[in-house]
Each structure stands twice: as C-alpha cells, then as structure tokens.
C-alpha cells in the first residue's frame, strides 16, 4: 500500500499554492479513479504535514474535510485562505476558479 500512498503524495505535492484538487482528481492522477477513499486515508496519515499540502484537497463539492487530520475543517479553511482562496457564502471553494 505504501507505493499507492507515495503516488498519492506525489500528486498532492504537485498541487500549486492557491489551487485545490478533489479526492477524485487526486485518485485519477495517482492511477485509479476509484481510489478517492484511499486518498482520504493517505492524507489522514500524511507523514509530512508541512511538506505534503493535504489541505489543498477538498471534496467533489469544494468543501473542506470536517475531520481534517491536522486541526479540523476550520484549520484547513484557514490554510487555504492564507493562500488566497476565497470561500463562497455556502462554505465551498469555486472549483472552476481554484481547481487545478
């Protein structure tokens, strides 16, 4: 499984500052579009939180994870806002504007 996680971490590491990707996009780019849940598991176990920017991964609706592994959904939102991402009134990220 670590090979899969490495592929996921490589994809997530390539998400530019100020952009986001969905779990499904990361899964597809890592080699299997059915790995969206695996992506979530891998990011929850991120071995390098300051290096692998797991905060840049949102769900298919552009919502942050309520159970963000490194401080909850509010922390994920704070990290994204610090990169210039503006949230909509409904709490989502505009994927057409900020998606990779």
N, C-alpha and C. Protein backbone atom coordinates (compact mmCIF):
# COMPACT_ATOMS: atom_id res chain seq x y z
N UNK A 1 0.81 -1.20 0.00
CA UNK A 1 0.00 0.00 0.00
C UNK A 1 0.85 1.26 0.00
N UNK A 2 2.06 1.18 0.53
CA UNK A 2 2.90 2.38 0.60
C UNK A 2 3.21 2.94 -0.79
N UNK A 3 3.30 2.08 -1.82
CA UNK A 3 3.52 2.56 -3.18
C UNK A 3 2.36 3.41 -3.65
N UNK A 4 1.16 2.99 -3.31
CA UNK A 4 -0.04 3.77 -3.64
C UNK A 4 0.00 5.12 -2.91
N UNK A 5 0.33 5.08 -1.63
CA UNK A 5 0.39 6.32 -0.86
C UNK A 5 1.44 7.26 -1.45
N UNK A 6 2.58 6.72 -1.85
CA UNK A 6 3.63 7.56 -2.44
C UNK A 6 3.12 8.24 -3.70
N UNK A 7 2.37 7.50 -4.52
CA UNK A 7 1.81 8.09 -5.74
C UNK A 7 0.83 9.21 -5.38
N UNK A 8 0.02 8.97 -4.37
CA UNK A 8 -0.94 9.99 -3.92
C UNK A 8 -0.19 11.22 -3.39
N UNK A 9 0.82 11.00 -2.57
CA UNK A 9 1.58 12.12 -2.01
C UNK A 9 2.29 12.91 -3.11
N UNK A 10 2.76 12.24 -4.14
CA UNK A 10 3.40 12.94 -5.26
C UNK A 10 2.40 13.84 -5.99
N UNK A 11 1.19 13.32 -6.21
CA UNK A 11 0.15 14.13 -6.87
C UNK A 11 -0.20 15.34 -6.01
N UNK A 12 -0.44 15.11 -4.72
CA UNK A 12 -0.83 16.20 -3.83
C UNK A 12 0.28 17.24 -3.72
N UNK A 13 1.51 16.78 -3.72
CA UNK A 13 2.64 17.71 -3.64
C UNK A 13 2.73 18.61 -4.87
N UNK A 14 2.13 18.19 -5.97
CA UNK A 14 2.17 18.97 -7.21
C UNK A 14 1.03 19.98 -7.32
N UNK A 15 0.10 19.98 -6.36
CA UNK A 15 -0.98 20.97 -6.40
C UNK A 15 -0.38 22.33 -6.06
N UNK A 16 -0.49 23.29 -6.96
CA UNK A 16 0.13 24.60 -6.71
C UNK A 16 -0.54 25.37 -5.57
N UNK A 17 0.22 26.22 -4.96
CA UNK A 17 -0.30 27.12 -3.92
C UNK A 17 -1.44 27.94 -4.54
N UNK A 18 -2.54 28.07 -3.81
CA UNK A 18 -3.68 28.83 -4.31
C UNK A 18 -4.62 28.03 -5.18
N UNK A 19 -4.39 26.73 -5.29
CA UNK A 19 -5.24 25.83 -6.06
C UNK A 19 -5.67 24.67 -5.19
N UNK A 20 -6.73 23.98 -5.60
CA UNK A 20 -7.19 22.78 -4.91
C UNK A 20 -7.45 21.69 -5.93
N UNK A 21 -7.55 20.47 -5.42
CA UNK A 21 -7.97 19.32 -6.23
C UNK A 21 -8.94 18.52 -5.38
N UNK A 22 -9.80 17.77 -6.04
CA UNK A 22 -10.73 16.91 -5.30
C UNK A 22 -10.08 15.56 -5.04
N UNK A 23 -10.65 14.83 -4.10
CA UNK A 23 -10.16 13.48 -3.81
C UNK A 23 -10.18 12.64 -5.08
N UNK A 24 -11.26 12.77 -5.86
CA UNK A 24 -11.38 12.02 -7.10
C UNK A 24 -10.32 12.38 -8.13
N UNK A 25 -10.01 13.67 -8.24
CA UNK A 25 -8.96 14.10 -9.17
C UNK A 25 -7.61 13.52 -8.76
N UNK A 26 -7.32 13.59 -7.47
CA UNK A 26 -6.05 13.04 -6.98
C UNK A 26 -6.00 11.55 -7.26
N UNK A 27 -7.10 10.84 -7.01
CA UNK A 27 -7.15 9.41 -7.25
C UNK A 27 -6.87 9.10 -8.72
N UNK A 28 -7.52 9.84 -9.62
CA UNK A 28 -7.33 9.61 -11.05
C UNK A 28 -5.88 9.87 -11.45
N UNK A 29 -5.32 10.97 -10.97
CA UNK A 29 -3.94 11.30 -11.32
C UNK A 29 -2.93 10.33 -10.70
N UNK A 30 -3.32 9.70 -9.60
CA UNK A 30 -2.45 8.72 -8.95
C UNK A 30 -2.55 7.34 -9.61
N UNK A 31 -3.51 7.18 -10.51
CA UNK A 31 -3.56 5.94 -11.25
C UNK A 31 -4.84 5.14 -11.19
N UNK A 32 -5.81 5.52 -10.34
CA UNK A 32 -7.04 4.75 -10.26
C UNK A 32 -8.17 5.66 -9.78
N UNK A 33 -9.15 5.96 -10.65
CA UNK A 33 -10.23 6.86 -10.26
C UNK A 33 -11.09 6.35 -9.11
N UNK A 34 -10.94 5.08 -8.76
CA UNK A 34 -11.72 4.51 -7.65
C UNK A 34 -11.02 4.64 -6.30
N UNK A 35 -9.92 5.33 -6.25
CA UNK A 35 -9.14 5.46 -5.02
C UNK A 35 -9.49 6.69 -4.19
N UNK A 36 -10.61 7.34 -4.42
CA UNK A 36 -10.93 8.57 -3.68
C UNK A 36 -10.88 8.35 -2.17
N UNK A 37 -11.42 7.24 -1.69
CA UNK A 37 -11.39 6.97 -0.25
C UNK A 37 -9.96 6.66 0.21
N UNK A 38 -9.20 6.02 -0.65
CA UNK A 38 -7.80 5.73 -0.32
C UNK A 38 -7.03 7.04 -0.19
N UNK A 39 -7.35 8.00 -1.05
CA UNK A 39 -6.72 9.32 -0.98
C UNK A 39 -6.99 9.93 0.40
N UNK A 40 -8.24 9.88 0.84
CA UNK A 40 -8.59 10.41 2.15
C UNK A 40 -7.81 9.73 3.26
N UNK A 41 -7.69 8.42 3.17
CA UNK A 41 -6.96 7.67 4.18
C UNK A 41 -5.47 8.05 4.17
N UNK A 42 -4.92 8.15 2.97
CA UNK A 42 -3.50 8.51 2.84
C UNK A 42 -3.24 9.90 3.42
N UNK A 43 -4.11 10.84 3.12
CA UNK A 43 -3.91 12.21 3.61
C UNK A 43 -4.09 12.29 5.12
N UNK A 44 -4.98 11.47 5.65
CA UNK A 44 -5.16 11.44 7.10
C UNK A 44 -3.90 10.93 7.79
N UNK A 45 -3.12 10.14 7.06
CA UNK A 45 -1.87 9.58 7.59
C UNK A 45 -0.64 10.27 7.01
N UNK A 46 -0.81 11.49 6.55
CA UNK A 46 0.26 12.27 5.93
C UNK A 46 1.51 12.27 6.83
N UNK A 47 2.63 11.70 6.35
CA UNK A 47 3.84 11.64 7.17
C UNK A 47 4.60 12.97 7.24
N UNK A 48 4.26 13.91 6.34
CA UNK A 48 4.97 15.20 6.28
C UNK A 48 3.96 16.33 6.13
N UNK A 49 3.19 16.64 7.19
CA UNK A 49 2.13 17.65 7.07
C UNK A 49 2.60 19.02 6.59
N UNK A 50 3.78 19.44 6.93
CA UNK A 50 4.26 20.73 6.48
C UNK A 50 4.81 20.72 5.07
N UNK A 51 5.00 19.53 4.53
CA UNK A 51 5.61 19.38 3.21
C UNK A 51 4.58 18.95 2.17
N UNK A 52 3.77 17.94 2.51
CA UNK A 52 2.72 17.46 1.60
C UNK A 52 1.46 18.26 1.92
N UNK A 53 1.02 19.13 0.99
CA UNK A 53 -0.07 20.06 1.28
C UNK A 53 -1.47 19.44 1.21
N UNK A 54 -1.76 18.54 2.14
CA UNK A 54 -3.04 17.84 2.12
C UNK A 54 -4.23 18.80 2.28
N UNK A 55 -3.99 20.00 2.79
CA UNK A 55 -5.07 20.98 2.94
C UNK A 55 -5.62 21.44 1.59
N UNK A 56 -4.91 21.16 0.51
CA UNK A 56 -5.35 21.57 -0.82
C UNK A 56 -6.28 20.57 -1.48
N UNK A 57 -6.68 19.54 -0.75
CA UNK A 57 -7.60 18.54 -1.29
C UNK A 57 -8.96 18.73 -0.62
N UNK A 58 -9.99 18.90 -1.46
CA UNK A 58 -11.36 19.12 -0.99
C UNK A 58 -12.28 18.06 -1.61
N UNK A 59 -13.51 18.00 -1.13
CA UNK A 59 -14.42 17.01 -1.71
C UNK A 59 -14.97 17.49 -3.05
N UNK A 60 -15.76 16.66 -3.69
CA UNK A 60 -16.24 16.97 -5.05
C UNK A 60 -17.14 18.19 -5.11
N UNK A 61 -17.65 18.62 -3.96
CA UNK A 61 -18.48 19.82 -3.89
C UNK A 61 -17.65 21.07 -3.57
N UNK A 62 -16.35 20.88 -3.33
CA UNK A 62 -15.49 22.00 -2.98
C UNK A 62 -15.51 22.31 -1.49
N UNK A 63 -15.92 21.33 -0.70
CA UNK A 63 -15.98 21.52 0.76
C UNK A 63 -14.73 20.97 1.42
N UNK A 64 -14.33 21.60 2.52
CA UNK A 64 -13.19 21.11 3.29
C UNK A 64 -13.64 19.92 4.13
N UNK A 65 -12.67 19.16 4.58
CA UNK A 65 -12.96 17.98 5.40
C UNK A 65 -13.28 18.41 6.83
N UNK A 66 -14.41 17.94 7.34
CA UNK A 66 -14.76 18.26 8.73
C UNK A 66 -13.77 17.64 9.69
N UNK A 67 -13.22 16.50 9.30
CA UNK A 67 -12.27 15.79 10.16
C UNK A 67 -10.84 15.97 9.66
N UNK A 68 -10.53 17.17 9.16
CA UNK A 68 -9.18 17.44 8.67
C UNK A 68 -8.18 17.02 9.74
N UNK A 69 -7.26 16.17 9.35
CA UNK A 69 -6.37 15.49 10.30
C UNK A 69 -5.48 16.42 11.11
N UNK A 70 -5.25 17.62 10.63
CA UNK A 70 -4.29 18.49 11.29
C UNK A 70 -4.92 19.76 11.81
N UNK A 71 -6.06 19.62 12.50
CA UNK A 71 -6.68 20.76 13.15
C UNK A 71 -8.14 21.00 12.82
N UNK A 72 -8.78 20.08 12.12
CA UNK A 72 -10.20 20.24 11.79
C UNK A 72 -10.43 21.09 10.56
N UNK A 73 -11.70 21.13 10.13
CA UNK A 73 -12.08 21.85 8.92
C UNK A 73 -11.74 23.33 8.96
N UNK A 74 -11.86 23.94 10.15
CA UNK A 74 -11.52 25.36 10.25
C UNK A 74 -10.06 25.60 9.94
N UNK A 75 -9.20 24.71 10.37
CA UNK A 75 -7.76 24.85 10.09
C UNK A 75 -7.49 24.71 8.60
N UNK A 76 -8.15 23.76 7.97
CA UNK A 76 -7.97 23.59 6.53
C UNK A 76 -8.41 24.86 5.80
N UNK A 77 -9.53 25.40 6.19
CA UNK A 77 -10.02 26.64 5.57
C UNK A 77 -9.02 27.77 5.78
N UNK A 78 -8.50 27.90 7.00
CA UNK A 78 -7.51 28.95 7.29
C UNK A 78 -6.29 28.83 6.39
N UNK A 79 -5.81 27.60 6.21
CA UNK A 79 -4.63 27.38 5.36
C UNK A 79 -4.92 27.76 3.91
N UNK A 80 -6.11 27.41 3.42
CA UNK A 80 -6.47 27.75 2.04
C UNK A 80 -6.66 29.25 1.87
N UNK A 81 -7.30 29.89 2.84
CA UNK A 81 -7.49 31.34 2.76
C UNK A 81 -6.15 32.06 2.80
N UNK A 82 -5.19 31.53 3.55
CA UNK A 82 -3.86 32.13 3.61
C UNK A 82 -3.15 32.06 2.26
N UNK A 83 -3.61 31.14 1.41
CA UNK A 83 -3.04 31.02 0.06
C UNK A 83 -3.84 31.83 -0.96
N UNK A 84 -4.83 32.59 -0.50
CA UNK A 84 -5.60 33.45 -1.40
C UNK A 84 -6.90 32.86 -1.90
N UNK A 85 -7.29 31.70 -1.42
CA UNK A 85 -8.54 31.09 -1.85
C UNK A 85 -9.69 31.72 -1.08
N UNK A 86 -10.68 32.17 -1.81
CA UNK A 86 -11.86 32.79 -1.21
C UNK A 86 -13.01 31.80 -1.24
N UNK A 87 -13.64 31.62 -0.09
CA UNK A 87 -14.76 30.69 0.01
C UNK A 87 -16.07 31.37 -0.35
N UNK A 88 -16.96 30.60 -0.95
CA UNK A 88 -18.30 31.10 -1.26
C UNK A 88 -19.10 31.20 0.04
N UNK A 89 -20.25 31.86 0.00
CA UNK A 89 -21.08 32.02 1.19
C UNK A 89 -21.53 30.68 1.76
N UNK A 90 -21.67 29.68 0.90
CA UNK A 90 -22.11 28.36 1.38
C UNK A 90 -20.95 27.51 1.92
N UNK A 91 -19.75 28.10 1.99
CA UNK A 91 -18.61 27.39 2.56
C UNK A 91 -17.83 26.54 1.59
N UNK A 92 -18.12 26.67 0.31
CA UNK A 92 -17.41 25.88 -0.69
C UNK A 92 -16.34 26.71 -1.39
N UNK A 93 -15.44 25.99 -2.04
CA UNK A 93 -14.42 26.60 -2.90
C UNK A 93 -14.94 26.49 -4.33
N UNK A 94 -14.85 27.54 -5.10
CA UNK A 94 -15.25 27.52 -6.51
C UNK A 94 -14.21 26.70 -7.27
N UNK A 95 -14.60 25.48 -7.64
CA UNK A 95 -13.66 24.57 -8.30
C UNK A 95 -13.30 25.02 -9.71
N UNK A 96 -14.17 25.80 -10.35
CA UNK A 96 -13.82 26.30 -11.69
C UNK A 96 -12.76 27.39 -11.60
N UNK A 97 -12.74 28.10 -10.49
CA UNK A 97 -11.77 29.18 -10.30
C UNK A 97 -10.46 28.68 -9.66
N UNK A 98 -10.58 27.81 -8.65
CA UNK A 98 -9.41 27.41 -7.88
C UNK A 98 -8.95 25.98 -8.13
N UNK A 99 -9.71 25.23 -8.93
CA UNK A 99 -9.30 23.85 -9.23
C UNK A 99 -8.10 23.80 -10.15
N UNK A 100 -7.37 22.69 -10.07
CA UNK A 100 -6.19 22.56 -10.93
C UNK A 100 -6.61 22.30 -12.36
